[in-house]
């Protein structure tokens, strides 16, 4: 059943990574996109909504990583699953949020 634990660590890492932009924008008092905006994921939500959404993501990440199986950062398979979850949601967020914040501009050499 180890593969189910690895899937849990992947999604736990994704939730933890997703918590970062929402929580930081919220504590800075800035609006940010969230699933609760209109349209979902595109419109801006208040800083309070983003703090709450970020915190909920932290809880979900904690449960999936610390309460499922026996996560060990020194275990290669656990670390790879965690790292791939961070990378996957990081790249997805960069593309999605980059549309709204100028992050998808072409690179200039």
N, C-alpha and C. Protein backbone atom coordinates (compact mmCIF):
# COMPACT_ATOMS: atom_id res chain seq x y z
N UNK A 1 0.81 -1.20 0.00
CA UNK A 1 0.00 0.00 0.00
C UNK A 1 0.85 1.27 0.00
N UNK A 2 2.16 1.10 -0.18
CA UNK A 2 3.03 2.27 -0.16
C UNK A 2 2.71 3.26 -1.28
N UNK A 3 2.25 2.78 -2.43
CA UNK A 3 1.97 3.71 -3.52
C UNK A 3 0.85 4.67 -3.15
N UNK A 4 -0.12 4.23 -2.35
CA UNK A 4 -1.18 5.14 -1.89
C UNK A 4 -0.60 6.22 -0.98
N UNK A 5 0.37 5.85 -0.17
CA UNK A 5 1.02 6.85 0.69
C UNK A 5 1.79 7.85 -0.17
N UNK A 6 2.45 7.39 -1.21
CA UNK A 6 3.19 8.29 -2.10
C UNK A 6 2.25 9.26 -2.81
N UNK A 7 1.08 8.76 -3.22
CA UNK A 7 0.07 9.64 -3.82
C UNK A 7 -0.39 10.68 -2.80
N UNK A 8 -0.56 10.26 -1.57
CA UNK A 8 -0.95 11.18 -0.51
C UNK A 8 0.11 12.25 -0.29
N UNK A 9 1.40 11.86 -0.32
CA UNK A 9 2.48 12.83 -0.13
C UNK A 9 2.55 13.81 -1.30
N UNK A 10 2.30 13.32 -2.51
CA UNK A 10 2.27 14.18 -3.69
C UNK A 10 1.20 15.26 -3.53
N UNK A 11 -0.02 14.83 -3.20
CA UNK A 11 -1.10 15.81 -3.06
C UNK A 11 -0.94 16.67 -1.82
N UNK A 12 -0.36 16.11 -0.76
CA UNK A 12 -0.08 16.92 0.42
C UNK A 12 0.87 18.05 0.10
N UNK A 13 1.92 17.74 -0.67
CA UNK A 13 2.87 18.77 -1.08
C UNK A 13 2.20 19.80 -1.97
N UNK A 14 1.30 19.35 -2.84
CA UNK A 14 0.57 20.29 -3.70
C UNK A 14 -0.28 21.24 -2.86
N UNK A 15 -0.96 20.72 -1.86
CA UNK A 15 -1.76 21.58 -0.98
C UNK A 15 -0.88 22.57 -0.22
N UNK A 16 0.26 22.10 0.30
CA UNK A 16 1.17 22.99 1.03
C UNK A 16 1.70 24.09 0.12
N UNK A 17 2.05 23.73 -1.10
CA UNK A 17 2.56 24.72 -2.06
C UNK A 17 1.47 25.71 -2.43
N UNK A 18 0.26 25.23 -2.62
CA UNK A 18 -0.86 26.12 -2.96
C UNK A 18 -1.19 27.07 -1.81
N UNK A 19 -0.89 26.67 -0.60
CA UNK A 19 -1.17 27.54 0.55
C UNK A 19 -0.32 28.81 0.52
N UNK A 20 0.88 28.69 -0.02
CA UNK A 20 1.86 29.80 0.06
C UNK A 20 1.35 31.09 -0.58
N UNK A 21 0.98 31.11 -1.88
CA UNK A 21 0.59 32.40 -2.46
C UNK A 21 -0.68 32.98 -1.82
N UNK A 22 -1.62 32.11 -1.48
CA UNK A 22 -2.87 32.60 -0.90
C UNK A 22 -2.64 33.19 0.48
N UNK A 23 -1.91 32.46 1.31
CA UNK A 23 -1.68 32.93 2.68
C UNK A 23 -0.84 34.20 2.69
N UNK A 24 0.21 34.23 1.87
CA UNK A 24 1.08 35.41 1.85
C UNK A 24 0.33 36.63 1.33
N UNK A 25 -0.42 36.48 0.24
CA UNK A 25 -1.21 37.62 -0.27
C UNK A 25 -2.18 38.09 0.81
N UNK A 26 -2.80 37.14 1.48
CA UNK A 26 -3.78 37.50 2.51
C UNK A 26 -3.17 38.26 3.66
N UNK A 27 -2.05 37.78 4.19
CA UNK A 27 -1.44 38.46 5.34
C UNK A 27 -0.83 39.79 4.94
N UNK A 28 -0.54 39.97 3.64
CA UNK A 28 -0.06 41.27 3.16
C UNK A 28 -1.23 42.22 2.92
N UNK A 29 -2.46 41.72 3.05
CA UNK A 29 -3.63 42.55 2.85
C UNK A 29 -3.98 42.76 1.39
N UNK A 30 -3.49 41.87 0.52
CA UNK A 30 -3.73 42.01 -0.91
C UNK A 30 -4.77 41.01 -1.40
N UNK A 31 -5.58 41.41 -2.37
CA UNK A 31 -6.51 40.44 -2.98
C UNK A 31 -5.72 39.49 -3.87
N UNK A 32 -6.29 38.32 -4.10
CA UNK A 32 -5.64 37.31 -4.94
C UNK A 32 -6.71 36.38 -5.48
N UNK A 33 -6.42 35.72 -6.61
CA UNK A 33 -7.38 34.78 -7.19
C UNK A 33 -7.61 33.61 -6.23
N UNK A 34 -8.85 33.14 -6.22
CA UNK A 34 -9.18 31.94 -5.44
C UNK A 34 -10.36 31.25 -6.09
N UNK A 35 -10.64 30.03 -5.66
CA UNK A 35 -11.80 29.32 -6.21
C UNK A 35 -13.13 29.97 -5.83
N UNK A 36 -13.12 30.90 -4.90
CA UNK A 36 -14.36 31.51 -4.41
C UNK A 36 -14.68 32.82 -5.11
N UNK A 37 -13.80 33.27 -6.01
CA UNK A 37 -14.02 34.52 -6.73
C UNK A 37 -14.96 34.28 -7.90
N UNK A 38 -15.38 35.37 -8.51
CA UNK A 38 -16.21 35.27 -9.71
C UNK A 38 -15.47 35.94 -10.84
N UNK A 39 -15.13 35.23 -11.90
CA UNK A 39 -15.24 33.78 -12.08
C UNK A 39 -14.19 33.05 -11.23
N UNK A 40 -14.50 31.81 -10.83
CA UNK A 40 -13.60 31.06 -9.97
C UNK A 40 -12.18 30.94 -10.56
N UNK A 41 -11.20 31.23 -9.73
CA UNK A 41 -9.81 31.12 -10.15
C UNK A 41 -9.31 32.28 -10.99
N UNK A 42 -10.18 33.20 -11.35
CA UNK A 42 -9.78 34.33 -12.19
C UNK A 42 -10.04 35.66 -11.50
N UNK A 43 -11.21 35.77 -10.86
CA UNK A 43 -11.52 37.00 -10.14
C UNK A 43 -10.73 37.07 -8.84
N UNK A 44 -10.74 38.24 -8.25
CA UNK A 44 -9.98 38.45 -7.02
C UNK A 44 -10.85 38.18 -5.79
N UNK A 45 -10.25 37.55 -4.81
CA UNK A 45 -10.89 37.35 -3.50
C UNK A 45 -10.20 38.24 -2.49
N UNK A 46 -10.91 38.55 -1.44
CA UNK A 46 -10.37 39.43 -0.41
C UNK A 46 -9.19 38.78 0.30
N UNK A 47 -8.43 39.61 0.99
CA UNK A 47 -7.28 39.10 1.75
C UNK A 47 -7.74 38.12 2.83
N UNK A 48 -8.89 38.38 3.43
CA UNK A 48 -9.40 37.48 4.47
C UNK A 48 -9.73 36.11 3.89
N UNK A 49 -10.39 36.08 2.74
CA UNK A 49 -10.70 34.81 2.09
C UNK A 49 -9.42 34.06 1.77
N UNK A 50 -8.40 34.77 1.32
CA UNK A 50 -7.14 34.11 0.96
C UNK A 50 -6.40 33.57 2.18
N UNK A 51 -6.44 34.26 3.30
CA UNK A 51 -5.84 33.72 4.52
C UNK A 51 -6.55 32.43 4.91
N UNK A 52 -7.88 32.44 4.87
CA UNK A 52 -8.65 31.25 5.22
C UNK A 52 -8.39 30.11 4.24
N UNK A 53 -8.34 30.41 2.95
CA UNK A 53 -8.09 29.38 1.93
C UNK A 53 -6.67 28.83 2.07
N UNK A 54 -5.71 29.71 2.32
CA UNK A 54 -4.34 29.26 2.55
C UNK A 54 -4.23 28.37 3.77
N UNK A 55 -4.92 28.75 4.84
CA UNK A 55 -4.89 27.96 6.07
C UNK A 55 -5.54 26.59 5.87
N UNK A 56 -6.64 26.55 5.13
CA UNK A 56 -7.30 25.28 4.83
C UNK A 56 -6.37 24.38 4.02
N UNK A 57 -5.62 24.96 3.08
CA UNK A 57 -4.64 24.19 2.32
C UNK A 57 -3.53 23.66 3.22
N UNK A 58 -3.10 24.47 4.20
CA UNK A 58 -2.09 24.00 5.16
C UNK A 58 -2.59 22.79 5.94
N UNK A 59 -3.83 22.85 6.38
CA UNK A 59 -4.42 21.73 7.13
C UNK A 59 -4.48 20.48 6.25
N UNK A 60 -4.96 20.63 5.02
CA UNK A 60 -5.06 19.49 4.11
C UNK A 60 -3.67 18.89 3.85
N UNK A 61 -2.68 19.74 3.62
CA UNK A 61 -1.32 19.26 3.40
C UNK A 61 -0.77 18.53 4.60
N UNK A 62 -1.01 19.08 5.78
CA UNK A 62 -0.57 18.43 7.02
C UNK A 62 -1.18 17.04 7.16
N UNK A 63 -2.47 16.95 6.96
CA UNK A 63 -3.16 15.66 7.11
C UNK A 63 -2.61 14.65 6.12
N UNK A 64 -2.44 15.05 4.85
CA UNK A 64 -1.99 14.12 3.82
C UNK A 64 -0.53 13.69 4.00
N UNK A 65 0.29 14.53 4.61
CA UNK A 65 1.70 14.19 4.77
C UNK A 65 2.00 13.60 6.15
N UNK A 66 1.46 14.20 7.17
CA UNK A 66 1.84 13.79 8.54
C UNK A 66 0.92 12.75 9.16
N UNK A 67 -0.26 12.57 8.63
CA UNK A 67 -1.20 11.63 9.25
C UNK A 67 -1.47 10.40 8.39
N UNK A 68 -0.89 10.35 7.19
CA UNK A 68 -1.04 9.19 6.32
C UNK A 68 0.33 8.52 6.24
N UNK A 69 0.40 7.27 6.61
CA UNK A 69 1.66 6.55 6.56
C UNK A 69 2.66 7.12 7.56
N UNK A 70 3.94 6.97 7.21
CA UNK A 70 5.02 7.44 8.08
C UNK A 70 6.01 8.19 7.20
N UNK A 71 5.67 9.44 6.84
CA UNK A 71 6.49 10.23 5.93
C UNK A 71 7.90 10.40 6.50
N UNK A 72 8.89 10.13 5.63
CA UNK A 72 10.29 10.28 6.02
C UNK A 72 11.01 11.03 4.90
N UNK A 73 11.41 12.25 5.16
CA UNK A 73 12.08 13.07 4.16
C UNK A 73 13.39 12.44 3.70
N UNK A 74 13.97 11.55 4.50
CA UNK A 74 15.20 10.85 4.11
C UNK A 74 14.93 9.65 3.21
N UNK A 75 13.67 9.29 3.07
CA UNK A 75 13.30 8.21 2.15
C UNK A 75 13.21 8.80 0.75
N UNK A 76 13.96 8.23 -0.19
CA UNK A 76 13.98 8.76 -1.55
C UNK A 76 12.60 8.79 -2.17
N UNK A 77 11.83 7.72 -2.03
CA UNK A 77 10.51 7.68 -2.65
C UNK A 77 9.57 8.73 -2.03
N UNK A 78 9.63 8.90 -0.72
CA UNK A 78 8.80 9.91 -0.06
C UNK A 78 9.20 11.32 -0.53
N UNK A 79 10.51 11.58 -0.58
CA UNK A 79 11.01 12.90 -0.98
C UNK A 79 10.68 13.19 -2.45
N UNK A 80 10.78 12.18 -3.31
CA UNK A 80 10.47 12.37 -4.72
C UNK A 80 8.98 12.68 -4.90
N UNK A 81 8.12 11.92 -4.22
CA UNK A 81 6.67 12.18 -4.31
C UNK A 81 6.36 13.60 -3.84
N UNK A 82 6.96 14.00 -2.72
CA UNK A 82 6.77 15.34 -2.19
C UNK A 82 7.28 16.39 -3.18
N UNK A 83 8.48 16.19 -3.68
CA UNK A 83 9.07 17.15 -4.61
C UNK A 83 8.29 17.28 -5.90
N UNK A 84 7.79 16.17 -6.42
CA UNK A 84 6.98 16.22 -7.64
C UNK A 84 5.66 16.96 -7.41
N UNK A 85 5.09 16.81 -6.21
CA UNK A 85 3.86 17.55 -5.89
C UNK A 85 4.13 19.05 -5.84
N UNK A 86 5.25 19.44 -5.24
CA UNK A 86 5.63 20.86 -5.19
C UNK A 86 5.85 21.39 -6.60
N UNK A 87 6.61 20.64 -7.40
CA UNK A 87 6.90 21.07 -8.77
C UNK A 87 5.64 21.18 -9.62
N UNK A 88 4.78 20.17 -9.54
CA UNK A 88 3.57 20.16 -10.36
C UNK A 88 2.66 21.36 -10.07
N UNK A 89 2.34 21.58 -8.81
CA UNK A 89 1.45 22.69 -8.49
C UNK A 89 2.17 24.03 -8.68
N UNK A 90 3.49 24.03 -8.48
CA UNK A 90 4.26 25.26 -8.70
C UNK A 90 4.21 25.68 -10.16
N UNK A 91 4.45 24.75 -11.08
CA UNK A 91 4.39 25.07 -12.50
C UNK A 91 2.97 25.44 -12.94
N UNK A 92 1.99 24.70 -12.45
CA UNK A 92 0.60 25.02 -12.78
C UNK A 92 0.22 26.41 -12.28
N UNK A 93 0.59 26.72 -11.06
CA UNK A 93 0.29 28.05 -10.49
C UNK A 93 1.00 29.15 -11.27
N UNK A 94 2.26 28.90 -11.64
CA UNK A 94 3.01 29.90 -12.40
C UNK A 94 2.30 30.22 -13.71
N UNK A 95 1.81 29.20 -14.39
CA UNK A 95 1.10 29.43 -15.65
C UNK A 95 -0.25 30.11 -15.44
N UNK A 96 -1.01 29.61 -14.47
CA UNK A 96 -2.35 30.17 -14.25
C UNK A 96 -2.30 31.59 -13.71
N UNK A 97 -1.53 31.82 -12.65
CA UNK A 97 -1.47 33.15 -12.04
C UNK A 97 -0.63 34.11 -12.86
N UNK A 98 0.30 33.57 -13.66
CA UNK A 98 1.12 34.41 -14.52
C UNK A 98 0.31 35.19 -15.53
N UNK A 99 -0.84 34.65 -15.92
CA UNK A 99 -1.72 35.37 -16.85
C UNK A 99 -2.21 36.68 -16.26
N UNK A 100 -2.36 36.72 -14.94
CA UNK A 100 -2.93 37.88 -14.28
C UNK A 100 -1.88 38.83 -13.72
N UNK A 101 -0.67 38.33 -13.51
CA UNK A 101 0.34 39.13 -12.83
C UNK A 101 1.59 39.36 -13.67
N UNK A 102 1.51 39.10 -14.98
CA UNK A 102 2.61 39.39 -15.86
C UNK A 102 3.73 38.37 -15.84
N UNK A 103 3.52 37.24 -15.23
CA UNK A 103 4.58 36.25 -15.12
C UNK A 103 4.78 35.39 -16.33
N UNK A 104 3.93 35.50 -17.35
CA UNK A 104 4.06 34.69 -18.55
C UNK A 104 4.67 35.46 -19.70
N UNK A 105 5.28 36.62 -19.42
CA UNK A 105 5.91 37.40 -20.47
C UNK A 105 7.11 36.64 -21.02
N UNK A 106 7.38 36.77 -22.32
CA UNK A 106 8.55 36.06 -22.86
C UNK A 106 9.85 36.57 -22.25
N UNK A 107 10.80 35.65 -22.13
CA UNK A 107 12.11 36.00 -21.57
C UNK A 107 12.91 36.79 -22.61
N UNK A 108 13.66 37.78 -22.16
CA UNK A 108 14.55 38.54 -23.04
C UNK A 108 15.98 38.23 -22.64
N UNK A 109 16.83 37.93 -23.63
CA UNK A 109 18.22 37.60 -23.34
C UNK A 109 19.08 38.84 -23.30
